[in-house]
Protein backbone atom coordinates (compact mmCIF):
# COMPACT_ATOMS: atom_id res chain seq x y z
CA UNK A 1 33.69 11.14 -26.89
CA UNK A 2 36.48 13.01 -26.12
CA UNK A 3 39.79 13.23 -23.95
CA UNK A 4 42.92 15.05 -23.06
CA UNK A 5 44.01 18.51 -21.53
CA UNK A 6 42.49 19.36 -18.04
CA UNK A 7 43.79 23.18 -18.42
CA UNK A 8 40.35 23.82 -20.45
CA UNK A 9 38.42 21.15 -18.90
CA UNK A 10 35.96 23.62 -16.38
CA UNK A 11 35.19 24.93 -19.84
CA UNK A 12 34.54 22.12 -21.91
CA UNK A 13 32.30 20.60 -19.02
CA UNK A 14 30.34 23.91 -19.11
CA UNK A 15 30.21 24.63 -22.92
CA UNK A 16 29.07 21.05 -23.51
CA UNK A 17 26.22 20.99 -21.08
CA UNK A 18 24.82 24.03 -22.20
CA UNK A 19 25.30 22.90 -25.95
CA UNK A 20 23.44 19.96 -24.89
CA UNK A 21 20.76 21.63 -23.63
CA UNK A 22 20.63 23.02 -26.85
CA UNK A 23 20.99 20.12 -28.91
CA UNK A 24 19.69 17.70 -27.01
CA UNK A 25 19.78 14.84 -29.55
CA UNK A 26 23.83 15.77 -29.16
CA UNK A 27 25.90 13.65 -26.28
CA UNK A 28 29.03 15.19 -25.45
CA UNK A 29 31.48 12.85 -23.27
CA UNK A 30 34.85 14.54 -21.97
CA UNK A 31 37.63 12.87 -20.02
CA UNK A 32 40.06 15.20 -18.39
CA UNK A 33 42.76 13.27 -18.09
CA UNK A 34 46.11 15.48 -19.45
CA UNK A 35 47.43 16.71 -22.71
CA UNK A 36 49.42 13.25 -23.51
CA UNK A 37 46.46 11.34 -22.58
CA UNK A 38 44.69 13.15 -24.92
CA UNK A 39 47.15 12.86 -27.67
CA UNK A 40 47.63 8.78 -27.12
CA UNK A 41 43.78 8.69 -27.22
CA UNK A 42 43.36 9.96 -29.93
CA UNK A 43 46.31 8.19 -32.19
CA UNK A 44 45.27 4.85 -30.79
CA UNK A 45 41.37 6.03 -32.25
CA UNK A 46 39.79 4.71 -28.99
CA UNK A 47 37.93 8.58 -28.83
CA UNK A 48 36.35 10.93 -31.54
CA UNK A 49 38.52 13.83 -30.47
CA UNK A 50 41.62 14.54 -28.57
CA UNK A 51 41.99 17.63 -26.34
CA UNK A 52 45.54 18.97 -25.51
CA UNK A 53 47.18 22.34 -24.73
CA UNK A 54 50.28 21.73 -27.16
CA UNK A 55 49.67 20.93 -31.16
CA UNK A 56 50.74 17.70 -32.01
CA UNK A 57 54.42 17.58 -33.57
CA UNK A 58 55.09 15.77 -36.75
CA UNK A 59 56.57 12.54 -34.39
CA UNK A 60 52.92 12.84 -32.97
CA UNK A 61 50.91 13.41 -36.25
CA UNK A 62 52.76 10.23 -37.76
CA UNK A 63 50.91 7.72 -35.33
CA UNK A 64 47.63 9.20 -36.05
CA UNK A 65 45.53 6.75 -38.40
CA UNK A 66 46.50 8.49 -42.26
CA UNK A 67 48.99 10.56 -41.00
CA UNK A 68 49.15 14.34 -41.01
CA UNK A 69 46.61 14.32 -43.58
CA UNK A 70 44.78 12.05 -40.82
CA UNK A 71 43.48 15.00 -38.73
CA UNK A 72 43.07 18.69 -37.89
CA UNK A 73 44.19 20.39 -35.12
CA UNK A 74 41.48 23.23 -33.58
CA UNK A 75 42.48 25.86 -30.99
CA UNK A 76 39.45 26.39 -28.75
CA UNK A 77 40.31 28.72 -26.05
CA UNK A 78 42.91 30.88 -24.61
CA UNK A 79 43.73 30.76 -21.04
CA UNK A 80 46.55 32.21 -18.32
CA UNK A 81 48.75 29.55 -15.68
CA UNK A 82 48.78 31.26 -12.15
CA UNK A 83 51.56 30.87 -9.92
CA UNK A 84 49.57 29.35 -6.70
CA UNK A 85 50.98 29.48 -3.08
CA UNK A 86 50.09 28.75 0.16
CA UNK A 87 51.89 31.04 2.67
CA UNK A 88 50.02 32.08 6.15
CA UNK A 89 50.08 36.16 6.18
CA UNK A 90 51.52 36.80 3.07
CA UNK A 91 48.05 38.68 0.94
CA UNK A 92 50.20 39.42 -1.60
CA UNK A 93 53.46 37.73 -3.19
CA UNK A 94 55.68 39.40 -5.95
CA UNK A 95 58.00 37.13 -8.30
CA UNK A 96 60.11 37.33 -10.99
CA UNK A 97 60.98 35.23 -13.81
CA UNK A 98 64.88 34.17 -13.05
CA UNK A 99 63.42 33.96 -9.20
CA UNK A 100 60.73 31.34 -10.15
CA UNK A 101 62.75 29.51 -11.70
CA UNK A 102 65.47 29.36 -9.14
CA UNK A 103 62.51 28.03 -6.83
CA UNK A 104 61.74 25.14 -9.47
CA UNK A 105 65.74 24.42 -9.55
CA UNK A 106 65.64 24.03 -6.44
CA UNK A 107 67.95 26.88 -5.17
CA UNK A 108 66.20 28.91 -3.46
CA UNK A 109 64.23 26.84 -0.61
CA UNK A 110 63.37 29.22 1.96
CA UNK A 111 60.50 31.46 1.83
CA UNK A 112 62.94 34.46 3.37
CA UNK A 113 65.31 33.76 0.85
CA UNK A 114 67.09 37.37 0.12
CA UNK A 115 66.33 37.16 -3.49
CA UNK A 116 62.67 36.72 -2.85
CA UNK A 117 63.00 39.21 -0.11
CA UNK A 118 64.38 42.01 -2.42
CA UNK A 119 61.32 41.53 -4.28
CA UNK A 120 58.61 41.80 -2.01
CA UNK A 121 59.95 44.78 0.64
CA UNK A 122 57.83 45.39 3.63
CA UNK A 123 56.35 41.62 3.79
CA UNK A 124 57.38 39.46 6.72
CA UNK A 125 58.56 35.96 4.72
CA UNK A 126 58.73 33.43 7.04
CA UNK A 127 61.69 31.16 7.16
CA UNK A 128 60.23 27.97 6.37
CA UNK A 129 60.83 25.91 3.53
CA UNK A 130 59.31 25.93 0.10
CA UNK A 131 57.11 22.77 -0.86
CA UNK A 132 57.37 22.72 -4.78
CA UNK A 133 54.48 21.11 -6.48
CA UNK A 134 54.57 20.09 -9.80
CA UNK A 135 52.45 17.97 -12.39
CA UNK A 136 53.38 14.35 -12.09
CA UNK A 137 51.88 13.32 -16.04
CA UNK A 138 52.46 14.31 -19.19
CA UNK A 139 50.45 18.03 -19.09
CA UNK A 140 49.97 20.60 -21.70
CA UNK A 141 50.17 22.88 -18.61
CA UNK A 142 53.50 21.82 -17.63
CA UNK A 143 55.04 22.44 -21.71
CA UNK A 144 53.80 26.45 -21.28
CA UNK A 145 55.15 26.38 -17.38
CA UNK A 146 58.49 25.35 -18.66
CA UNK A 147 58.05 27.00 -22.29
CA UNK A 148 58.03 30.53 -19.69
CA UNK A 149 60.75 29.43 -17.35
CA UNK A 150 63.10 28.64 -20.70
CA UNK A 151 62.63 32.18 -22.00
CA UNK A 152 63.80 33.45 -18.44
CA UNK A 153 66.12 31.31 -16.79
CA UNK A 154 69.17 30.11 -19.44
CA UNK A 155 69.62 27.34 -16.46
CA UNK A 156 66.22 25.91 -16.85
CA UNK A 157 66.54 25.67 -20.49
CA UNK A 158 70.06 23.82 -20.74
CA UNK A 159 69.05 21.91 -17.95
CA UNK A 160 65.58 20.90 -17.76
CA UNK A 161 64.11 22.28 -20.72
CA UNK A 162 60.67 22.41 -22.72
CA UNK A 163 58.15 19.57 -22.59
CA UNK A 164 54.84 18.32 -20.90
CA UNK A 165 56.86 16.07 -19.31
CA UNK A 166 60.04 16.92 -18.10
CA UNK A 167 62.63 15.71 -15.21
CA UNK A 168 61.70 18.36 -12.22
CA UNK A 169 64.96 19.18 -10.10
CA UNK A 170 62.80 19.71 -7.27
CA UNK A 171 59.32 18.95 -5.42
CA UNK A 172 56.56 16.45 -5.37
CA UNK A 173 54.23 15.75 -8.76
CA UNK A 174 50.02 15.73 -8.47
CA UNK A 175 48.32 14.36 -11.28
CA UNK A 176 46.26 17.12 -13.36
CA UNK A 177 45.65 20.91 -12.81
CA UNK A 178 43.03 19.65 -9.50
CA UNK A 179 45.53 17.56 -8.04
CA UNK A 180 48.51 20.55 -8.05
CA UNK A 181 45.60 22.49 -6.56
CA UNK A 182 44.72 20.19 -3.61
CA UNK A 183 48.57 19.62 -3.27
CA UNK A 184 48.63 23.22 -2.66
CA UNK A 185 46.01 24.29 -0.93
CA UNK A 186 46.57 21.30 1.62
CA UNK A 187 50.30 21.99 2.25
CA UNK A 188 51.48 24.73 4.45
CA UNK A 189 54.58 26.67 2.09
CA UNK A 190 53.89 25.34 -1.09
CA UNK A 191 54.07 26.69 -4.99
CA UNK A 192 52.84 25.26 -8.32
CA UNK A 193 51.53 26.37 -11.31
CA UNK A 194 47.70 26.05 -12.21
CA UNK A 195 45.45 27.25 -14.99
CA UNK A 196 43.32 30.63 -13.61
CA UNK A 197 39.97 28.14 -13.33
CA UNK A 198 40.86 25.85 -10.82
CA UNK A 199 42.45 28.84 -8.75
CA UNK A 200 39.51 30.60 -8.58
CA UNK A 201 37.39 28.00 -7.70
CA UNK A 202 39.57 26.86 -4.84
CA UNK A 203 39.81 30.03 -3.50
CA UNK A 204 43.52 30.24 -4.09
CA UNK A 205 46.22 32.71 -3.54
CA UNK A 206 48.23 33.46 -6.90
CA UNK A 207 51.42 35.51 -6.61
CA UNK A 208 52.58 38.91 -9.03
CA UNK A 209 54.40 37.88 -11.85
CA UNK A 210 56.75 40.19 -13.48
CA UNK A 211 56.23 40.65 -17.23
CA UNK A 212 58.54 41.41 -20.01
CA UNK A 213 58.05 45.44 -19.61
CA UNK A 214 58.75 44.90 -15.88
CA UNK A 215 55.05 45.18 -14.45
CA UNK A 216 53.68 42.70 -11.37
CA UNK A 217 50.23 41.64 -12.65
CA UNK A 218 48.07 38.71 -11.86
CA UNK A 219 47.12 36.38 -14.20
CA UNK A 220 43.49 37.50 -15.42
CA UNK A 221 41.00 37.29 -18.80
CA UNK A 222 42.67 40.78 -19.87
CA UNK A 223 46.64 39.60 -19.38
CA UNK A 224 45.72 36.79 -21.82
CA UNK A 225 43.93 38.76 -24.15
CA UNK A 226 46.85 41.65 -24.00
CA UNK A 227 49.70 38.46 -24.49
CA UNK A 228 47.79 36.97 -27.53
CA UNK A 229 47.34 40.06 -29.46
CA UNK A 230 51.34 40.27 -29.95
CA UNK A 231 51.30 36.78 -32.16
CA UNK A 232 49.43 37.53 -35.32
CA UNK A 233 50.38 34.80 -36.88
CA UNK A 234 49.17 31.46 -34.90
CA UNK A 235 48.92 27.81 -36.10
CA UNK A 236 49.84 24.60 -34.51
CA UNK A 237 53.40 25.67 -35.42
CA UNK A 238 53.89 29.17 -34.23
CA UNK A 239 51.62 28.93 -30.70
CA UNK A 240 53.81 29.93 -28.19
CA UNK A 241 52.60 33.32 -26.18
CA UNK A 242 54.78 33.40 -23.09
CA UNK A 243 56.67 36.26 -21.75
CA UNK A 244 55.03 38.48 -24.43
CA UNK A 245 55.44 42.49 -24.66
CA UNK A 246 52.64 44.79 -23.11
CA UNK A 247 52.27 46.48 -20.13
CA UNK A 248 49.15 44.30 -19.04
CA UNK A 249 50.62 40.86 -20.96
CA UNK A 250 50.40 38.23 -18.14
CA UNK A 251 53.75 36.15 -18.71
CA UNK A 252 52.02 32.34 -19.10
CA UNK A 253 49.46 32.19 -21.28
CA UNK A 254 48.02 29.98 -23.64
CA UNK A 255 46.01 28.29 -26.41
CA UNK A 256 44.36 24.52 -25.94
CA UNK A 257 43.19 22.98 -28.41
CA UNK A 258 41.33 19.72 -29.82
CA UNK A 259 42.20 17.20 -32.83
CA UNK A 260 39.41 16.35 -34.90
CA UNK A 261 39.48 13.41 -38.06
CA UNK A 262 39.80 15.21 -41.34
CA UNK A 263 37.55 12.39 -42.46
CA UNK A 264 34.43 11.22 -40.54
CA UNK A 265 32.75 7.84 -42.29
CA UNK A 266 29.20 8.53 -40.27
CA UNK A 267 27.83 11.57 -41.56
CA UNK A 268 24.89 12.36 -38.64
CA UNK A 269 27.77 12.14 -36.29
CA UNK A 270 30.67 13.70 -38.33
CA UNK A 271 28.31 16.93 -38.88
CA UNK A 272 27.33 16.74 -35.10
CA UNK A 273 30.66 16.78 -33.78
CA UNK A 274 31.97 19.76 -36.87
CA UNK A 275 29.23 21.87 -35.71
CA UNK A 276 29.74 21.45 -31.97
CA UNK A 277 33.13 22.80 -32.37
CA UNK A 278 31.87 25.66 -34.44
CA UNK A 279 29.71 26.74 -32.07
CA UNK A 280 32.31 26.58 -29.55
CA UNK A 281 35.08 28.72 -31.59
CA UNK A 282 32.20 31.22 -31.63
CA UNK A 283 29.01 31.70 -30.08
CA UNK A 284 30.00 29.14 -27.04
CA UNK A 285 33.16 31.48 -26.52
CA UNK A 286 31.04 33.07 -24.07
CA UNK A 287 31.28 29.96 -21.43
CA UNK A 288 35.04 30.56 -21.37
CA UNK A 289 34.84 34.25 -20.66
CA UNK A 290 32.31 33.33 -17.46
CA UNK A 291 35.80 30.90 -16.49
CA UNK A 292 38.07 33.21 -16.45
CA UNK A 293 39.17 32.09 -20.59
CA UNK A 294 39.65 34.64 -23.09
CA UNK A 295 37.92 34.54 -26.24
CA UNK A 296 39.85 33.43 -28.68
CA UNK A 297 41.20 36.57 -30.97
CA UNK A 298 39.28 37.22 -34.65
CA UNK A 299 42.49 35.62 -36.56
CA UNK A 300 42.58 32.34 -34.56
CA UNK A 301 39.05 32.25 -34.58
CA UNK A 302 39.18 32.41 -38.13
CA UNK A 303 42.04 29.74 -38.31
CA UNK A 304 39.95 27.68 -36.19
CA UNK A 305 36.44 27.83 -38.75
CA UNK A 306 38.86 27.64 -41.77
CA UNK A 307 40.59 24.11 -40.18
CA UNK A 308 36.96 22.86 -39.58
CA UNK A 309 35.77 23.49 -43.07
CA UNK A 310 38.83 20.77 -43.83
CA UNK A 311 36.45 17.69 -42.17
CA UNK A 312 34.53 15.43 -44.26
CA UNK A 313 31.50 13.43 -42.83
CA UNK A 314 29.89 10.64 -45.04
CA UNK A 315 32.49 12.10 -48.27
CA UNK A 316 31.16 15.47 -48.36
CA UNK A 317 32.58 18.59 -46.73
CA UNK A 318 30.28 19.76 -43.68
CA UNK A 319 31.02 23.29 -43.66
CA UNK A 320 31.63 25.44 -46.47
């Protein structure tokens, strides 16, 4: 049983279903709650694995039974966070980082604000209020969104910062990716941020976001792959891939992770868990690409496999 991030949940749900169809003796239950909830549940030992879009910090790991040596952190998938909006009559919306930050800071409160209008020549923008929607829970999606905003706005960096949960200057909160998606789709004039799988499933509109090379791009699998190619030494302490250079790089791209114990006393259970995630980070990646997640780059896949090899079940290494 596992619990945690909603960002990779569509991928996990499909992948775990497909794995159980191949191996009926294995049962996998995953509760999509939030990254913060996944970390907390793993620390308390109430789940077999935790899931988060942000690796555990040293402080987080100190709360795990056995401390930092009691767990391994395994990257599982690569996704993108789209800027979603609900604006009747506007089929194409272009935004840059500073303007987006000023919307979420509350400085820009009307859709026809000169800053937005300057980026959308020829588009009829309404004189209506912008309804900001953000996550209300401790969220890895929020971490990567605020990581991006901190790179494009000095005010955001100093006033709000980077975290799974922040003190939002504007807007209303909703729980989980699904909650933000529902709030945006049901609120005229809304803007929010969602993992791409939720955008596609709900048929939401997403903005074109100006990347570091000055090109306007929408969230996509190709954009995630392009962004990830610029960090060739991913690790639990070097994982940020927001605002990366590249003509096609999408600016808000992120890896998602799971946490597993380094020692599992029950041999059969431990072997089942390790082989599940070995499949997930290799052959199982195809389940992600069909849902708008990018396959792990080779170097990151190798990191995942190397970390899985450190796990013992019943006192013996599962993978060699």
